[in-house]
C-alpha cells in the first residue's frame, strides 16, 4: 500500500447512501414499416447538488452511481482537496437531490463558484474556478505504451458497453491498467462517467500513475485536465481531439491517442512513448483526404 493509500485508509471516509438506479427503461417504438418494436432507451435524471445546504449545480445523469459521481465531481471541480473533508453524501431521488455535508465548511466557496467556464461537455459542462489554475502543479510520469497492449485493451473494451448496445445515447469511460479494464462507467455525459471513476479512485486511494484512461467521447481541454488531475498519463478515445485538448496534452505531458477502434489509432501527442510492436501489414489510409489532420 502506498503512503497516499495509507493516509486515505486512516482518514475518516464520508457516509454515503447507495441510491443507484437502473440505467435504461423499456419502451416500444414504431419502426420504418409502421410496426411496434420493443427496446430500451437510456435513462436521464436531474440530480441537483447541494453543498452544505447551498445549491451548486444540477447534473443530468443515468443515476447508476450517483454518490461516486458527486464525489468525483467535487474533486474534479477542485472545490475539495481531501476526501476526509466530506462528512456525508446523501442522494434522494424523490427530491432529485444530492446533499453533501462537509466537516468544517469550505473557505472562499462563493469566490470559487463565482468563476466558471462553460465547456464543451455534453449538455454544456461547467468548471468552477480558473480552468488553468492547477496546470503548473501537475507532474505526470512518462509511461511507455505498447501497440499490442492497446489492441488487446480495445478488444476488451468493445465487450463492455452494455447500456450503449441496449439503449444508445450514452458515453462510456474506463480506468485501465495495461490491457486490463479495472472499472467501467456509462452515463449520458462523458464528463459524468469521468467524475464517477474519479470519485471511486478518490474514495479508495487509487493512484493513476500506472493507469490508462479510455473514453468514447471526444478529447477536449476539460477531458485532458480531468485525467491529468487524476494523475493518469495516457488518454485513449475512439472519438476525435479538439485543438485545445491537444495543446494542453502537449503542455501537461498526457499521451493522447484518439480515433482508436479495431487496429486503427492516431497518436496526437506522446508518439515517442508508444512502442509500435504490432503494426498492421498494410496502412489503414493512403489518400491525403484521410490523413490525421483531416479526419
C-alpha atoms as a PDB file:
ATOM      1  CA  UNK A   1       0.000   0.000   0.000  1.00  0.00           C
ATOM      2  CA  UNK A   2       1.323   3.447  -0.934  1.00  0.00           C
ATOM      3  CA  UNK A   3       1.676   6.314   1.550  1.00  0.00           C
ATOM      4  CA  UNK A   4      -1.231   8.088  -0.122  1.00  0.00           C
ATOM      5  CA  UNK A   5      -3.421   4.986   0.148  1.00  0.00           C
ATOM      6  CA  UNK A   6      -2.422   4.523   3.811  1.00  0.00           C
ATOM      7  CA  UNK A   7      -3.301   8.127   4.569  1.00  0.00           C
ATOM      8  CA  UNK A   8      -6.737   7.779   2.971  1.00  0.00           C
ATOM      9  CA  UNK A   9      -7.361   4.446   4.686  1.00  0.00           C
ATOM     10  CA  UNK A  10      -6.643   6.027   8.094  1.00  0.00           C
ATOM     11  CA  UNK A  11      -8.728   9.167   7.461  1.00  0.00           C
ATOM     12  CA  UNK A  12     -12.489   9.268   8.061  1.00  0.00           C
ATOM     13  CA  UNK A  13     -14.437   8.481   4.899  1.00  0.00           C
ATOM     14  CA  UNK A  14     -17.824  10.018   4.159  1.00  0.00           C
ATOM     15  CA  UNK A  15     -21.060   8.254   4.969  1.00  0.00           C
ATOM     16  CA  UNK A  16     -22.876   7.616   1.690  1.00  0.00           C
ATOM     17  CA  UNK A  17     -26.205   6.321   0.531  1.00  0.00           C
ATOM     18  CA  UNK A  18     -26.407   3.605  -2.122  1.00  0.00           C
ATOM     19  CA  UNK A  19     -29.078   5.076  -4.378  1.00  0.00           C
ATOM     20  CA  UNK A  20     -28.137   3.721  -7.804  1.00  0.00           C
ATOM     21  CA  UNK A  21     -30.966   3.244 -10.304  1.00  0.00           C
ATOM     22  CA  UNK A  22     -31.454   1.214 -13.476  1.00  0.00           C
ATOM     23  CA  UNK A  23     -29.616   2.633 -16.490  1.00  0.00           C
ATOM     24  CA  UNK A  24     -32.355   2.137 -19.088  1.00  0.00           C
ATOM     25  CA  UNK A  25     -36.120   1.943 -19.479  1.00  0.00           C
ATOM     26  CA  UNK A  26     -38.133  -0.455 -21.614  1.00  0.00           C
ATOM     27  CA  UNK A  27     -40.138   1.199 -24.372  1.00  0.00           C
ATOM     28  CA  UNK A  28     -41.968   0.349 -27.593  1.00  0.00           C
ATOM     29  CA  UNK A  29     -41.171   2.369 -30.711  1.00  0.00           C
ATOM     30  CA  UNK A  30     -42.605   2.212 -34.219  1.00  0.00           C
ATOM     31  CA  UNK A  31     -40.175   1.157 -36.937  1.00  0.00           C
ATOM     32  CA  UNK A  32     -39.923   2.201 -40.598  1.00  0.00           C
ATOM     33  CA  UNK A  33     -42.591  -0.383 -41.529  1.00  0.00           C
ATOM     34  CA  UNK A  34     -45.095   1.076 -39.091  1.00  0.00           C
ATOM     35  CA  UNK A  35     -44.685  -1.904 -36.782  1.00  0.00           C
ATOM     36  CA  UNK A  36     -44.141  -1.784 -32.994  1.00  0.00           C
ATOM     37  CA  UNK A  37     -40.656  -2.742 -31.843  1.00  0.00           C
ATOM     38  CA  UNK A  38     -39.708  -3.335 -28.211  1.00  0.00           C
ATOM     39  CA  UNK A  39     -36.448  -1.863 -26.989  1.00  0.00           C
ATOM     40  CA  UNK A  40     -34.783   0.321 -24.371  1.00  0.00           C
ATOM     41  CA  UNK A  41     -33.910   3.980 -24.011  1.00  0.00           C
ATOM     42  CA  UNK A  42     -31.228   5.430 -21.736  1.00  0.00           C
ATOM     43  CA  UNK A  43     -32.490   6.959 -18.514  1.00  0.00           C
ATOM     44  CA  UNK A  44     -31.837  10.660 -17.913  1.00  0.00           C
ATOM     45  CA  UNK A  45     -32.355  12.115 -14.463  1.00  0.00           C
ATOM     46  CA  UNK A  46     -31.719  15.523 -12.963  1.00  0.00           C
ATOM     47  CA  UNK A  47     -29.661  15.451  -9.772  1.00  0.00           C
ATOM     48  CA  UNK A  48     -29.292  18.803  -8.012  1.00  0.00           C
ATOM     49  CA  UNK A  49     -26.192  19.031  -5.837  1.00  0.00           C
ATOM     50  CA  UNK A  50     -26.310  20.906  -2.535  1.00  0.00           C
ATOM     51  CA  UNK A  51     -23.030  21.627  -0.750  1.00  0.00           C
ATOM     52  CA  UNK A  52     -23.582  22.483   2.919  1.00  0.00           C
ATOM     53  CA  UNK A  53     -27.200  23.387   2.021  1.00  0.00           C
ATOM     54  CA  UNK A  54     -26.107  25.695  -0.821  1.00  0.00           C
ATOM     55  CA  UNK A  55     -27.378  24.737  -4.284  1.00  0.00           C
ATOM     56  CA  UNK A  56     -24.378  24.310  -6.586  1.00  0.00           C
ATOM     57  CA  UNK A  57     -25.299  22.594  -9.841  1.00  0.00           C
ATOM     58  CA  UNK A  58     -27.755  20.212 -11.481  1.00  0.00           C
ATOM     59  CA  UNK A  59     -26.199  17.190 -13.187  1.00  0.00           C
ATOM     60  CA  UNK A  60     -28.028  15.183 -15.855  1.00  0.00           C
ATOM     61  CA  UNK A  61     -27.175  11.538 -15.307  1.00  0.00           C
ATOM     62  CA  UNK A  62     -28.218   7.920 -15.742  1.00  0.00           C
ATOM     63  CA  UNK A  63     -28.223   7.739 -11.957  1.00  0.00           C
ATOM     64  CA  UNK A  64     -26.472   4.384 -11.674  1.00  0.00           C
ATOM     65  CA  UNK A  65     -23.683   5.586  -9.343  1.00  0.00           C
ATOM     66  CA  UNK A  66     -24.814   8.990  -8.056  1.00  0.00           C
ATOM     67  CA  UNK A  67     -22.675   9.081  -4.913  1.00  0.00           C
ATOM     68  CA  UNK A  68     -19.443   8.384  -6.806  1.00  0.00           C
ATOM     69  CA  UNK A  69     -20.488  10.870  -9.497  1.00  0.00           C
ATOM     70  CA  UNK A  70     -20.922  13.627  -6.917  1.00  0.00           C
ATOM     71  CA  UNK A  71     -17.710  12.703  -5.126  1.00  0.00           C
ATOM     72  CA  UNK A  72     -15.667  12.778  -8.333  1.00  0.00           C
ATOM     73  CA  UNK A  73     -17.374  15.981  -9.476  1.00  0.00           C
ATOM     74  CA  UNK A  74     -16.334  17.732  -6.257  1.00  0.00           C
ATOM     75  CA  UNK A  75     -12.767  16.562  -6.726  1.00  0.00           C
ATOM     76  CA  UNK A  76     -12.501  17.489 -10.396  1.00  0.00           C
ATOM     77  CA  UNK A  77     -14.035  20.920  -9.752  1.00  0.00           C
ATOM     78  CA  UNK A  78     -11.308  21.444  -7.128  1.00  0.00           C
ATOM     79  CA  UNK A  79     -13.909  22.512  -4.561  1.00  0.00           C
ATOM     80  CA  UNK A  80     -12.422  19.986  -2.115  1.00  0.00           C
ATOM     81  CA  UNK A  81      -8.922  18.579  -1.942  1.00  0.00           C
ATOM     82  CA  UNK A  82      -9.248  15.829   0.687  1.00  0.00           C
ATOM     83  CA  UNK A  83     -11.967  13.184   0.837  1.00  0.00           C
ATOM     84  CA  UNK A  84     -11.870  13.371   4.653  1.00  0.00           C
ATOM     85  CA  UNK A  85     -13.333  16.895   4.407  1.00  0.00           C
ATOM     86  CA  UNK A  86     -16.670  15.303   3.476  1.00  0.00           C
ATOM     87  CA  UNK A  87     -18.872  14.058   6.290  1.00  0.00           C
ATOM     88  CA  UNK A  88     -21.720  12.621   4.222  1.00  0.00           C
ATOM     89  CA  UNK A  89     -23.249  12.330   0.742  1.00  0.00           C
ATOM     90  CA  UNK A  90     -26.982  11.662   0.775  1.00  0.00           C
ATOM     91  CA  UNK A  91     -28.837  11.059  -2.510  1.00  0.00           C
ATOM     92  CA  UNK A  92     -32.647  11.241  -2.522  1.00  0.00           C
ATOM     93  CA  UNK A  93     -34.333  10.547  -5.856  1.00  0.00           C
ATOM     94  CA  UNK A  94     -37.762  11.596  -4.576  1.00  0.00           C
ATOM     95  CA  UNK A  95     -36.452  15.165  -4.449  1.00  0.00           C
ATOM     96  CA  UNK A  96     -33.791  14.629  -7.141  1.00  0.00           C
ATOM     97  CA  UNK A  97     -31.089  15.913  -4.841  1.00  0.00           C
ATOM     98  CA  UNK A  98     -27.647  15.066  -3.516  1.00  0.00           C
ATOM     99  CA  UNK A  99     -26.792  16.695  -0.191  1.00  0.00           C
ATOM    100  CA  UNK A 100     -23.102  16.964   0.664  1.00  0.00           C
ATOM    101  CA  UNK A 101     -22.169  17.848   4.219  1.00  0.00           C
ATOM    102  CA  UNK A 102     -18.585  18.857   4.977  1.00  0.00           C
ATOM    103  CA  UNK A 103     -16.945  18.647   8.382  1.00  0.00           C
ATOM    104  CA  UNK A 104     -15.703  22.235   8.589  1.00  0.00           C
ATOM    105  CA  UNK A 105     -17.162  24.072   5.610  1.00  0.00           C
ATOM    106  CA  UNK A 106     -15.251  25.372   2.578  1.00  0.00           C
ATOM    107  CA  UNK A 107     -13.255  28.569   2.681  1.00  0.00           C
ATOM    108  CA  UNK A 108     -13.971  31.088  -0.109  1.00  0.00           C
ATOM    109  CA  UNK A 109     -16.713  28.899  -1.612  1.00  0.00           C
ATOM    110  CA  UNK A 110     -18.534  31.889  -3.099  1.00  0.00           C
ATOM    111  CA  UNK A 111     -15.314  33.055  -4.765  1.00  0.00           C
ATOM    112  CA  UNK A 112     -14.723  29.591  -6.250  1.00  0.00           C
ATOM    113  CA  UNK A 113     -18.286  29.387  -7.516  1.00  0.00           C
ATOM    114  CA  UNK A 114     -18.125  32.872  -8.954  1.00  0.00           C
ATOM    115  CA  UNK A 115     -15.530  31.914 -11.565  1.00  0.00           C
ATOM    116  CA  UNK A 116     -16.799  29.379 -14.047  1.00  0.00           C
ATOM    117  CA  UNK A 117     -16.014  28.171 -17.552  1.00  0.00           C
ATOM    118  CA  UNK A 118     -18.713  26.682 -19.777  1.00  0.00           C
ATOM    119  CA  UNK A 119     -17.098  23.719 -21.504  1.00  0.00           C
ATOM    120  CA  UNK A 120     -17.850  21.524 -24.498  1.00  0.00           C
ATOM    121  CA  UNK A 121     -19.150  18.787 -22.205  1.00  0.00           C
ATOM    122  CA  UNK A 122     -22.426  17.051 -23.054  1.00  0.00           C
ATOM    123  CA  UNK A 123     -25.186  19.415 -22.015  1.00  0.00           C
ATOM    124  CA  UNK A 124     -22.662  22.274 -21.657  1.00  0.00           C
ATOM    125  CA  UNK A 125     -20.478  21.292 -18.745  1.00  0.00           C
ATOM    126  CA  UNK A 126     -19.237  23.869 -16.261  1.00  0.00           C
ATOM    127  CA  UNK A 127     -15.897  24.027 -14.496  1.00  0.00           C
ATOM    128  CA  UNK A 128     -15.692  26.247 -11.426  1.00  0.00           C
ATOM    129  CA  UNK A 129     -12.601  28.300 -10.768  1.00  0.00           C
ATOM    130  CA  UNK A 130      -9.941  29.038 -13.349  1.00  0.00           C
ATOM    131  CA  UNK A 131      -9.614  26.146 -15.764  1.00  0.00           C
ATOM    132  CA  UNK A 132      -5.847  26.584 -15.938  1.00  0.00           C
ATOM    133  CA  UNK A 133      -5.039  27.211 -12.256  1.00  0.00           C
ATOM    134  CA  UNK A 134      -3.692  23.762 -11.449  1.00  0.00           C
ATOM    135  CA  UNK A 135      -1.756  23.019 -14.641  1.00  0.00           C
ATOM    136  CA  UNK A 136       1.612  24.188 -13.382  1.00  0.00           C
ATOM    137  CA  UNK A 137       1.293  21.919 -10.340  1.00  0.00           C
ATOM    138  CA  UNK A 138       0.597  18.750 -12.332  1.00  0.00           C
ATOM    139  CA  UNK A 139       3.514  16.408 -12.970  1.00  0.00           C
ATOM    140  CA  UNK A 140       2.811  13.188 -14.852  1.00  0.00           C
ATOM    141  CA  UNK A 141       5.168  10.230 -15.304  1.00  0.00           C
ATOM    142  CA  UNK A 142       6.347   9.252 -18.767  1.00  0.00           C
ATOM    143  CA  UNK A 143       4.865   5.818 -19.439  1.00  0.00           C
ATOM    144  CA  UNK A 144       5.619   3.510 -22.357  1.00  0.00           C
ATOM    145  CA  UNK A 145       2.577   2.150 -24.194  1.00  0.00           C
ATOM    146  CA  UNK A 146       2.796  -0.926 -26.401  1.00  0.00           C
ATOM    147  CA  UNK A 147       0.749  -1.062 -29.576  1.00  0.00           C
ATOM    148  CA  UNK A 148      -0.035  -4.716 -28.905  1.00  0.00           C
ATOM    149  CA  UNK A 149      -1.352  -3.786 -25.446  1.00  0.00           C
ATOM    150  CA  UNK A 150      -3.605  -1.133 -26.964  1.00  0.00           C
ATOM    151  CA  UNK A 151      -5.088  -3.688 -29.342  1.00  0.00           C
ATOM    152  CA  UNK A 152      -5.778  -6.148 -26.517  1.00  0.00           C
ATOM    153  CA  UNK A 153      -7.346  -3.385 -24.432  1.00  0.00           C
ATOM    154  CA  UNK A 154      -9.561  -2.170 -27.280  1.00  0.00           C
ATOM    155  CA  UNK A 155     -10.793  -5.721 -27.784  1.00  0.00           C
ATOM    156  CA  UNK A 156     -11.657  -5.962 -24.081  1.00  0.00           C
ATOM    157  CA  UNK A 157     -13.390  -2.585 -24.034  1.00  0.00           C
ATOM    158  CA  UNK A 158     -15.574  -3.462 -27.034  1.00  0.00           C
ATOM    159  CA  UNK A 159     -17.330  -6.023 -24.851  1.00  0.00           C
ATOM    160  CA  UNK A 160     -18.214  -3.609 -22.025  1.00  0.00           C
ATOM    161  CA  UNK A 161     -20.693  -1.029 -23.333  1.00  0.00           C
ATOM    162  CA  UNK A 162     -23.886  -2.757 -22.230  1.00  0.00           C
ATOM    163  CA  UNK A 163     -26.114   0.303 -21.897  1.00  0.00           C
ATOM    164  CA  UNK A 164     -24.982   1.689 -25.261  1.00  0.00           C
ATOM    165  CA  UNK A 165     -25.686  -1.634 -27.000  1.00  0.00           C
ATOM    166  CA  UNK A 166     -29.110  -1.886 -25.373  1.00  0.00           C
ATOM    167  CA  UNK A 167     -30.284   1.730 -25.488  1.00  0.00           C
ATOM    168  CA  UNK A 168     -27.672   4.016 -27.092  1.00  0.00           C
ATOM    169  CA  UNK A 169     -27.426   7.706 -26.122  1.00  0.00           C
ATOM    170  CA  UNK A 170     -24.625   7.239 -23.579  1.00  0.00           C
ATOM    171  CA  UNK A 171     -20.863   7.578 -23.281  1.00  0.00           C
ATOM    172  CA  UNK A 172     -18.541   5.092 -21.598  1.00  0.00           C
ATOM    173  CA  UNK A 173     -15.302   5.612 -19.678  1.00  0.00           C
ATOM    174  CA  UNK A 174     -12.875   3.074 -18.248  1.00  0.00           C
ATOM    175  CA  UNK A 175      -9.927   3.023 -15.879  1.00  0.00           C
ATOM    176  CA  UNK A 176      -7.383   0.560 -17.237  1.00  0.00           C
ATOM    177  CA  UNK A 177      -4.030  -0.936 -16.315  1.00  0.00           C
ATOM    178  CA  UNK A 178      -2.076  -2.483 -19.182  1.00  0.00           C
ATOM    179  CA  UNK A 179      -4.677  -4.432 -21.201  1.00  0.00           C
ATOM    180  CA  UNK A 180      -6.973  -4.945 -18.218  1.00  0.00           C
ATOM    181  CA  UNK A 181     -10.051  -2.845 -17.509  1.00  0.00           C
ATOM    182  CA  UNK A 182     -10.424  -2.092 -13.803  1.00  0.00           C
ATOM    183  CA  UNK A 183     -13.592  -0.008 -13.747  1.00  0.00           C
ATOM    184  CA  UNK A 184     -16.142   0.916 -16.431  1.00  0.00           C
ATOM    185  CA  UNK A 185     -18.895   3.531 -16.185  1.00  0.00           C
ATOM    186  CA  UNK A 186     -21.548   4.629 -18.683  1.00  0.00           C
ATOM    187  CA  UNK A 187     -23.572   7.836 -18.389  1.00  0.00           C
ATOM    188  CA  UNK A 188     -25.467  10.295 -20.565  1.00  0.00           C
ATOM    189  CA  UNK A 189     -22.465  12.654 -20.479  1.00  0.00           C
ATOM    190  CA  UNK A 190     -18.844  11.603 -20.790  1.00  0.00           C
ATOM    191  CA  UNK A 191     -17.830  14.012 -18.013  1.00  0.00           C
ATOM    192  CA  UNK A 192     -20.242  12.301 -15.608  1.00  0.00           C
ATOM    193  CA  UNK A 193     -18.579   8.972 -16.370  1.00  0.00           C
ATOM    194  CA  UNK A 194     -15.143  10.526 -15.781  1.00  0.00           C
ATOM    195  CA  UNK A 195     -16.267  12.012 -12.481  1.00  0.00           C
ATOM    196  CA  UNK A 196     -17.749   8.709 -11.261  1.00  0.00           C
ATOM    197  CA  UNK A 197     -14.413   6.973 -11.860  1.00  0.00           C
ATOM    198  CA  UNK A 198     -12.557   9.876 -10.214  1.00  0.00           C
ATOM    199  CA  UNK A 199     -14.848   9.503  -7.211  1.00  0.00           C
ATOM    200  CA  UNK A 200     -14.078   5.815  -6.867  1.00  0.00           C
ATOM    201  CA  UNK A 201     -10.342   6.471  -7.173  1.00  0.00           C
ATOM    202  CA  UNK A 202     -10.521   9.210  -4.544  1.00  0.00           C
ATOM    203  CA  UNK A 203     -12.570   7.093  -2.164  1.00  0.00           C
ATOM    204  CA  UNK A 204     -10.253   4.072  -2.480  1.00  0.00           C
ATOM    205  CA  UNK A 205      -6.954   5.948  -2.650  1.00  0.00           C
ATOM    206  CA  UNK A 206      -6.230   4.576  -6.134  1.00  0.00           C
ATOM    207  CA  UNK A 207      -3.271   6.213  -7.843  1.00  0.00           C
ATOM    208  CA  UNK A 208      -3.218   6.911 -11.564  1.00  0.00           C
ATOM    209  CA  UNK A 209       0.496   6.918 -12.420  1.00  0.00           C
ATOM    210  CA  UNK A 210       0.370   3.427 -13.949  1.00  0.00           C
ATOM    211  CA  UNK A 211      -3.116   3.669 -15.435  1.00  0.00           C
ATOM    212  CA  UNK A 212      -4.665   4.446 -18.818  1.00  0.00           C
ATOM    213  CA  UNK A 213      -7.998   6.221 -19.197  1.00  0.00           C
ATOM    214  CA  UNK A 214     -10.418   5.368 -22.011  1.00  0.00           C
ATOM    215  CA  UNK A 215     -13.448   7.324 -23.161  1.00  0.00           C
ATOM    216  CA  UNK A 216     -15.868   7.011 -26.050  1.00  0.00           C
ATOM    217  CA  UNK A 217     -16.167  10.805 -26.175  1.00  0.00           C
ATOM    218  CA  UNK A 218     -14.018  13.446 -27.840  1.00  0.00           C
ATOM    219  CA  UNK A 219     -10.839  14.606 -26.120  1.00  0.00           C
ATOM    220  CA  UNK A 220     -11.457  18.218 -25.163  1.00  0.00           C
ATOM    221  CA  UNK A 221      -9.427  20.508 -22.915  1.00  0.00           C
ATOM    222  CA  UNK A 222     -11.578  19.590 -19.913  1.00  0.00           C
ATOM    223  CA  UNK A 223     -11.142  15.868 -20.501  1.00  0.00           C
ATOM    224  CA  UNK A 224      -7.353  16.275 -20.618  1.00  0.00           C
ATOM    225  CA  UNK A 225      -7.321  18.368 -17.436  1.00  0.00           C
ATOM    226  CA  UNK A 226      -9.573  15.979 -15.511  1.00  0.00           C
ATOM    227  CA  UNK A 227      -7.470  12.948 -16.410  1.00  0.00           C
ATOM    228  CA  UNK A 228      -4.272  14.824 -15.569  1.00  0.00           C
ATOM    229  CA  UNK A 229      -5.727  15.795 -12.176  1.00  0.00           C
ATOM    230  CA  UNK A 230      -6.358  12.102 -11.578  1.00  0.00           C
ATOM    231  CA  UNK A 231      -2.642  11.517 -12.192  1.00  0.00           C
ATOM    232  CA  UNK A 232      -3.226   9.404 -15.312  1.00  0.00           C
ATOM    233  CA  UNK A 233      -0.607   9.885 -18.067  1.00  0.00           C
ATOM    234  CA  UNK A 234      -2.365   8.183 -21.032  1.00  0.00           C
ATOM    235  CA  UNK A 235      -5.729   9.156 -22.528  1.00  0.00           C
ATOM    236  CA  UNK A 236      -7.385   6.987 -25.176  1.00  0.00           C
ATOM    237  CA  UNK A 237     -10.557   7.631 -27.164  1.00  0.00           C
ATOM    238  CA  UNK A 238     -12.484   6.182 -30.078  1.00  0.00           C
ATOM    239  CA  UNK A 239     -13.511   9.743 -30.976  1.00  0.00           C
ATOM    240  CA  UNK A 240     -11.543  12.824 -32.060  1.00  0.00           C
ATOM    241  CA  UNK A 241      -9.467  15.580 -30.462  1.00  0.00           C
ATOM    242  CA  UNK A 242     -10.020  19.316 -30.149  1.00  0.00           C
ATOM    243  CA  UNK A 243      -7.220  21.797 -30.793  1.00  0.00           C
ATOM    244  CA  UNK A 244      -7.153  22.961 -27.165  1.00  0.00           C
ATOM    245  CA  UNK A 245      -7.240  19.388 -25.928  1.00  0.00           C
ATOM    246  CA  UNK A 246      -4.150  18.596 -27.987  1.00  0.00           C
ATOM    247  CA  UNK A 247      -2.357  21.767 -26.876  1.00  0.00           C
ATOM    248  CA  UNK A 248      -2.999  21.058 -23.197  1.00  0.00           C
ATOM    249  CA  UNK A 249      -1.938  17.431 -23.551  1.00  0.00           C
ATOM    250  CA  UNK A 250       1.360  18.660 -25.002  1.00  0.00           C
ATOM    251  CA  UNK A 251       1.791  21.179 -22.178  1.00  0.00           C
ATOM    252  CA  UNK A 252       0.923  18.794 -19.347  1.00  0.00           C
ATOM    253  CA  UNK A 253       2.522  15.680 -20.827  1.00  0.00           C
ATOM    254  CA  UNK A 254      -0.527  13.498 -21.468  1.00  0.00           C
ATOM    255  CA  UNK A 255      -0.076  10.854 -24.154  1.00  0.00           C
ATOM    256  CA  UNK A 256      -3.105  11.465 -26.371  1.00  0.00           C
ATOM    257  CA  UNK A 257      -4.414   8.627 -28.563  1.00  0.00           C
ATOM    258  CA  UNK A 258      -7.664   9.026 -30.491  1.00  0.00           C
ATOM    259  CA  UNK A 259      -9.699   7.527 -33.349  1.00  0.00           C
ATOM    260  CA  UNK A 260      -8.928   4.189 -31.709  1.00  0.00           C
ATOM    261  CA  UNK A 261     -11.016   1.311 -32.994  1.00  0.00           C
ATOM    262  CA  UNK A 262     -10.008  -2.144 -34.128  1.00  0.00           C
ATOM    263  CA  UNK A 263      -6.438  -1.873 -35.428  1.00  0.00           C
ATOM    264  CA  UNK A 264      -6.573   1.851 -36.117  1.00  0.00           C
ATOM    265  CA  UNK A 265      -5.478   4.747 -33.899  1.00  0.00           C
ATOM    266  CA  UNK A 266      -3.846   8.167 -34.174  1.00  0.00           C
ATOM    267  CA  UNK A 267      -1.334   9.494 -31.643  1.00  0.00           C
ATOM    268  CA  UNK A 268      -1.796  13.257 -31.281  1.00  0.00           C
ATOM    269  CA  UNK A 269       0.771  13.701 -28.506  1.00  0.00           C
ATOM    270  CA  UNK A 270       3.445  11.481 -26.990  1.00  0.00           C
ATOM    271  CA  UNK A 271       4.219   9.288 -30.013  1.00  0.00           C
ATOM    272  CA  UNK A 272       7.738   8.789 -28.612  1.00  0.00           C
ATOM    273  CA  UNK A 273       6.109   6.934 -25.695  1.00  0.00           C
ATOM    274  CA  UNK A 274       4.380   4.410 -27.991  1.00  0.00           C
ATOM    275  CA  UNK A 275       6.194   1.179 -28.848  1.00  0.00           C
ATOM    276  CA  UNK A 276       4.987   0.129 -32.319  1.00  0.00           C
ATOM    277  CA  UNK A 277       5.367  -3.610 -31.824  1.00  0.00           C
ATOM    278  CA  UNK A 278       2.252  -4.836 -33.691  1.00  0.00           C
ATOM    279  CA  UNK A 279       1.920  -2.733 -36.834  1.00  0.00           C
ATOM    280  CA  UNK A 280      -0.715  -3.946 -39.329  1.00  0.00           C
ATOM    281  CA  UNK A 281       0.580  -5.342 -42.613  1.00  0.00           C
ATOM    282  CA  UNK A 282      -0.980  -2.546 -44.673  1.00  0.00           C
ATOM    283  CA  UNK A 283      -1.609   1.133 -43.863  1.00  0.00           C
ATOM    284  CA  UNK A 284      -5.217   1.866 -42.967  1.00  0.00           C
ATOM    285  CA  UNK A 285      -5.308   5.021 -45.108  1.00  0.00           C
ATOM    286  CA  UNK A 286      -3.431   6.138 -48.195  1.00  0.00           C
ATOM    287  CA  UNK A 287      -5.027   9.299 -49.575  1.00  0.00           C
ATOM    288  CA  UNK A 288      -4.440  12.813 -48.175  1.00  0.00           C
ATOM    289  CA  UNK A 289      -8.184  13.171 -47.571  1.00  0.00           C
ATOM    290  CA  UNK A 290      -7.972  10.737 -44.647  1.00  0.00           C
ATOM    291  CA  UNK A 291      -4.700  11.946 -43.184  1.00  0.00           C
ATOM    292  CA  UNK A 292      -4.718  12.752 -39.435  1.00  0.00           C
ATOM    293  CA  UNK A 293      -5.245  16.473 -39.886  1.00  0.00           C
ATOM    294  CA  UNK A 294      -8.403  15.955 -41.945  1.00  0.00           C
ATOM    295  CA  UNK A 295     -10.246  13.278 -40.059  1.00  0.00           C
END
